[in-house]
Amino acid sequence: MKKNTKKAQIKRWFLSGKTLTPKEAINLFDSYRLAAVVAELKDKDGLKIINLQKQFNVNYGVYKIVKNGENLNLFTNIKKT
């Protein structure tokens, strides 16, 4: 049986199509190193995760997975709600 690690929880979160910020990662998963987890998911698991920081015009990371066939241009006009 696989462990329910923070990395595994965050991976499932991304695979569900949701965005994730560092503050949300702390509150939801008690993970204080979201950027490191994202880097590992990209490097070791081969996930395509982008940072929408510029699109949201914020000073922190807003990460989202890009699924196969998904158009990156869809994320260029996203505004934070």
N, C-alpha and C. Protein backbone atom coordinates (compact mmCIF):
# COMPACT_ATOMS: atom_id res chain seq x y z
N MET A 1 0.84 -1.17 0.00
CA MET A 1 0.00 0.00 0.00
C MET A 1 0.89 1.25 0.00
N LYS A 2 0.55 2.24 -0.84
CA LYS A 2 1.33 3.46 -0.92
C LYS A 2 0.98 4.39 0.22
N LYS A 3 1.98 5.15 0.64
CA LYS A 3 1.77 6.14 1.68
C LYS A 3 0.97 7.31 1.12
N ASN A 4 0.23 7.96 2.00
CA ASN A 4 -0.51 9.14 1.63
C ASN A 4 0.36 10.36 1.98
N THR A 5 1.44 10.54 1.22
CA THR A 5 2.40 11.59 1.50
C THR A 5 1.85 12.95 1.07
N LYS A 6 2.50 14.01 1.53
CA LYS A 6 2.12 15.36 1.11
C LYS A 6 2.24 15.49 -0.41
N LYS A 7 3.31 14.92 -0.96
CA LYS A 7 3.50 14.96 -2.41
C LYS A 7 2.35 14.27 -3.13
N ALA A 8 1.94 13.12 -2.63
CA ALA A 8 0.84 12.37 -3.25
C ALA A 8 -0.48 13.15 -3.15
N GLN A 9 -0.70 13.78 -2.02
CA GLN A 9 -1.92 14.57 -1.83
C GLN A 9 -1.94 15.76 -2.79
N ILE A 10 -0.81 16.44 -2.90
CA ILE A 10 -0.71 17.59 -3.79
C ILE A 10 -0.85 17.15 -5.25
N LYS A 11 -0.28 16.02 -5.60
CA LYS A 11 -0.41 15.50 -6.96
C LYS A 11 -1.87 15.23 -7.29
N ARG A 12 -2.59 14.59 -6.38
CA ARG A 12 -4.02 14.33 -6.60
C ARG A 12 -4.78 15.64 -6.76
N TRP A 13 -4.42 16.65 -5.97
CA TRP A 13 -5.07 17.95 -6.04
C TRP A 13 -4.89 18.55 -7.44
N PHE A 14 -3.66 18.53 -7.93
CA PHE A 14 -3.40 19.06 -9.26
C PHE A 14 -4.12 18.26 -10.33
N LEU A 15 -4.11 16.94 -10.21
CA LEU A 15 -4.77 16.09 -11.22
C LEU A 15 -6.28 16.29 -11.27
N SER A 16 -6.84 16.85 -10.19
CA SER A 16 -8.27 17.16 -10.18
C SER A 16 -8.56 18.46 -10.93
N GLY A 17 -7.48 19.17 -11.36
CA GLY A 17 -7.65 20.38 -12.17
C GLY A 17 -7.66 21.68 -11.38
N LYS A 18 -7.40 21.62 -10.09
CA LYS A 18 -7.45 22.81 -9.26
C LYS A 18 -6.09 23.52 -9.23
N THR A 19 -6.13 24.84 -8.97
CA THR A 19 -4.91 25.60 -8.74
C THR A 19 -4.53 25.46 -7.28
N LEU A 20 -3.27 25.82 -6.99
CA LEU A 20 -2.79 25.72 -5.61
C LEU A 20 -1.76 26.83 -5.36
N THR A 21 -1.93 27.52 -4.24
CA THR A 21 -0.98 28.55 -3.81
C THR A 21 -0.21 28.03 -2.60
N PRO A 22 0.90 28.67 -2.26
CA PRO A 22 1.65 28.24 -1.07
C PRO A 22 0.80 28.29 0.20
N LYS A 23 -0.02 29.32 0.35
CA LYS A 23 -0.87 29.42 1.54
C LYS A 23 -1.87 28.27 1.60
N GLU A 24 -2.46 27.94 0.46
CA GLU A 24 -3.40 26.82 0.41
C GLU A 24 -2.69 25.51 0.73
N ALA A 25 -1.46 25.35 0.24
CA ALA A 25 -0.69 24.13 0.49
C ALA A 25 -0.43 23.96 1.99
N ILE A 26 -0.15 25.07 2.67
CA ILE A 26 0.05 25.01 4.11
C ILE A 26 -1.24 24.62 4.81
N ASN A 27 -2.34 25.28 4.46
CA ASN A 27 -3.62 25.02 5.12
C ASN A 27 -4.19 23.64 4.82
N LEU A 28 -4.06 23.20 3.58
CA LEU A 28 -4.67 21.93 3.19
C LEU A 28 -3.79 20.71 3.49
N PHE A 29 -2.47 20.86 3.29
CA PHE A 29 -1.58 19.70 3.35
C PHE A 29 -0.44 19.85 4.36
N ASP A 30 -0.40 20.96 5.08
CA ASP A 30 0.69 21.24 6.01
C ASP A 30 2.04 21.18 5.29
N SER A 31 2.06 21.65 4.05
CA SER A 31 3.26 21.63 3.23
C SER A 31 3.79 23.05 3.10
N TYR A 32 4.98 23.28 3.62
CA TYR A 32 5.59 24.60 3.61
C TYR A 32 6.56 24.79 2.45
N ARG A 33 6.71 23.79 1.59
CA ARG A 33 7.66 23.87 0.48
C ARG A 33 6.98 23.47 -0.83
N LEU A 34 5.94 24.21 -1.17
CA LEU A 34 5.18 23.88 -2.37
C LEU A 34 6.05 23.94 -3.63
N ALA A 35 6.90 24.95 -3.74
CA ALA A 35 7.75 25.06 -4.93
C ALA A 35 8.63 23.83 -5.09
N ALA A 36 9.13 23.29 -3.99
CA ALA A 36 9.97 22.09 -4.06
C ALA A 36 9.15 20.88 -4.49
N VAL A 37 7.94 20.77 -3.98
CA VAL A 37 7.07 19.66 -4.37
C VAL A 37 6.72 19.78 -5.85
N VAL A 38 6.40 20.99 -6.30
CA VAL A 38 6.09 21.21 -7.72
C VAL A 38 7.28 20.82 -8.59
N ALA A 39 8.47 21.24 -8.19
CA ALA A 39 9.68 20.89 -8.96
C ALA A 39 9.85 19.37 -9.04
N GLU A 40 9.61 18.68 -7.95
CA GLU A 40 9.74 17.22 -7.94
C GLU A 40 8.67 16.57 -8.81
N LEU A 41 7.44 17.08 -8.76
CA LEU A 41 6.38 16.54 -9.60
C LEU A 41 6.69 16.75 -11.08
N LYS A 42 7.32 17.86 -11.40
CA LYS A 42 7.69 18.13 -12.78
C LYS A 42 8.87 17.26 -13.21
N ASP A 43 9.90 17.20 -12.38
CA ASP A 43 11.13 16.49 -12.75
C ASP A 43 11.00 14.97 -12.67
N LYS A 44 10.46 14.47 -11.58
CA LYS A 44 10.42 13.02 -11.36
C LYS A 44 9.16 12.36 -11.87
N ASP A 45 8.02 13.08 -11.80
CA ASP A 45 6.76 12.48 -12.21
C ASP A 45 6.34 12.91 -13.62
N GLY A 46 7.05 13.88 -14.18
CA GLY A 46 6.79 14.30 -15.56
C GLY A 46 5.52 15.10 -15.75
N LEU A 47 5.00 15.69 -14.68
CA LEU A 47 3.80 16.50 -14.82
C LEU A 47 4.14 17.87 -15.38
N LYS A 48 3.25 18.41 -16.18
CA LYS A 48 3.43 19.76 -16.71
C LYS A 48 2.63 20.69 -15.82
N ILE A 49 3.34 21.41 -14.95
CA ILE A 49 2.72 22.33 -14.01
C ILE A 49 3.25 23.72 -14.32
N ILE A 50 2.34 24.68 -14.45
CA ILE A 50 2.74 26.04 -14.75
C ILE A 50 2.43 26.95 -13.57
N ASN A 51 3.14 28.08 -13.53
CA ASN A 51 2.93 29.08 -12.51
C ASN A 51 2.15 30.23 -13.14
N LEU A 52 0.98 30.51 -12.61
CA LEU A 52 0.11 31.56 -13.16
C LEU A 52 0.27 32.88 -12.42
N GLN A 53 1.40 33.06 -11.77
CA GLN A 53 1.65 34.25 -10.95
C GLN A 53 1.43 35.55 -11.75
N LYS A 54 1.96 35.63 -12.94
CA LYS A 54 1.83 36.85 -13.74
C LYS A 54 0.39 37.08 -14.18
N GLN A 55 -0.31 36.00 -14.52
CA GLN A 55 -1.70 36.14 -14.95
C GLN A 55 -2.58 36.65 -13.82
N PHE A 56 -2.27 36.24 -12.58
CA PHE A 56 -3.04 36.70 -11.42
C PHE A 56 -2.51 38.01 -10.86
N ASN A 57 -1.34 38.46 -11.37
CA ASN A 57 -0.72 39.69 -10.91
C ASN A 57 -0.53 39.70 -9.39
N VAL A 58 0.11 38.65 -8.89
CA VAL A 58 0.38 38.50 -7.46
C VAL A 58 1.86 38.23 -7.25
N ASN A 59 2.31 38.31 -6.00
CA ASN A 59 3.72 38.11 -5.67
C ASN A 59 4.01 36.72 -5.12
N TYR A 60 3.18 35.76 -5.39
CA TYR A 60 3.36 34.40 -4.91
C TYR A 60 2.94 33.43 -6.02
N GLY A 61 3.35 32.21 -5.89
CA GLY A 61 3.05 31.21 -6.91
C GLY A 61 1.59 30.79 -6.92
N VAL A 62 1.05 30.63 -8.11
CA VAL A 62 -0.27 30.06 -8.31
C VAL A 62 -0.07 28.96 -9.34
N TYR A 63 -0.05 27.71 -8.88
CA TYR A 63 0.32 26.60 -9.74
C TYR A 63 -0.91 25.85 -10.25
N LYS A 64 -0.80 25.37 -11.49
CA LYS A 64 -1.87 24.58 -12.11
C LYS A 64 -1.24 23.58 -13.06
N ILE A 65 -1.82 22.41 -13.11
CA ILE A 65 -1.36 21.39 -14.04
C ILE A 65 -1.97 21.66 -15.41
N VAL A 66 -1.18 21.39 -16.44
CA VAL A 66 -1.66 21.47 -17.81
C VAL A 66 -1.77 20.05 -18.30
N LYS A 67 -2.98 19.64 -18.60
CA LYS A 67 -3.20 18.27 -19.05
C LYS A 67 -2.95 18.16 -20.54
N ASN A 68 -2.72 16.95 -21.02
CA ASN A 68 -2.45 16.70 -22.44
C ASN A 68 -3.55 17.31 -23.30
N GLY A 69 -3.13 18.04 -24.31
CA GLY A 69 -4.08 18.63 -25.24
C GLY A 69 -4.68 19.94 -24.76
N GLU A 70 -4.39 20.35 -23.54
CA GLU A 70 -4.94 21.59 -23.02
C GLU A 70 -4.16 22.77 -23.60
N ASN A 71 -4.85 23.77 -24.02
CA ASN A 71 -4.24 24.93 -24.67
C ASN A 71 -3.72 25.90 -23.60
N LEU A 72 -2.42 26.19 -23.63
CA LEU A 72 -1.84 27.12 -22.66
C LEU A 72 -2.40 28.52 -22.80
N ASN A 73 -2.88 28.88 -23.98
CA ASN A 73 -3.44 30.21 -24.18
C ASN A 73 -4.70 30.43 -23.35
N LEU A 74 -5.33 29.35 -22.91
CA LEU A 74 -6.51 29.50 -22.06
C LEU A 74 -6.18 30.19 -20.75
N PHE A 75 -4.92 30.13 -20.34
CA PHE A 75 -4.54 30.65 -19.03
C PHE A 75 -3.97 32.07 -19.10
N THR A 76 -3.94 32.67 -20.27
CA THR A 76 -3.31 33.98 -20.39
C THR A 76 -4.22 35.12 -19.92
N ASN A 77 -5.51 34.90 -19.90
CA ASN A 77 -6.43 35.97 -19.52
C ASN A 77 -7.18 35.67 -18.23
N ILE A 78 -6.65 34.80 -17.41
CA ILE A 78 -7.30 34.44 -16.16
C ILE A 78 -7.15 35.58 -15.17
N LYS A 79 -8.21 35.91 -14.48
CA LYS A 79 -8.17 36.92 -13.43
C LYS A 79 -8.56 36.26 -12.12
N LYS A 80 -7.90 36.65 -11.04
CA LYS A 80 -8.20 36.09 -9.73
C LYS A 80 -9.56 36.56 -9.28
N THR A 81 -10.34 35.66 -8.72
CA THR A 81 -11.67 36.03 -8.23
C THR A 81 -11.64 36.38 -6.77
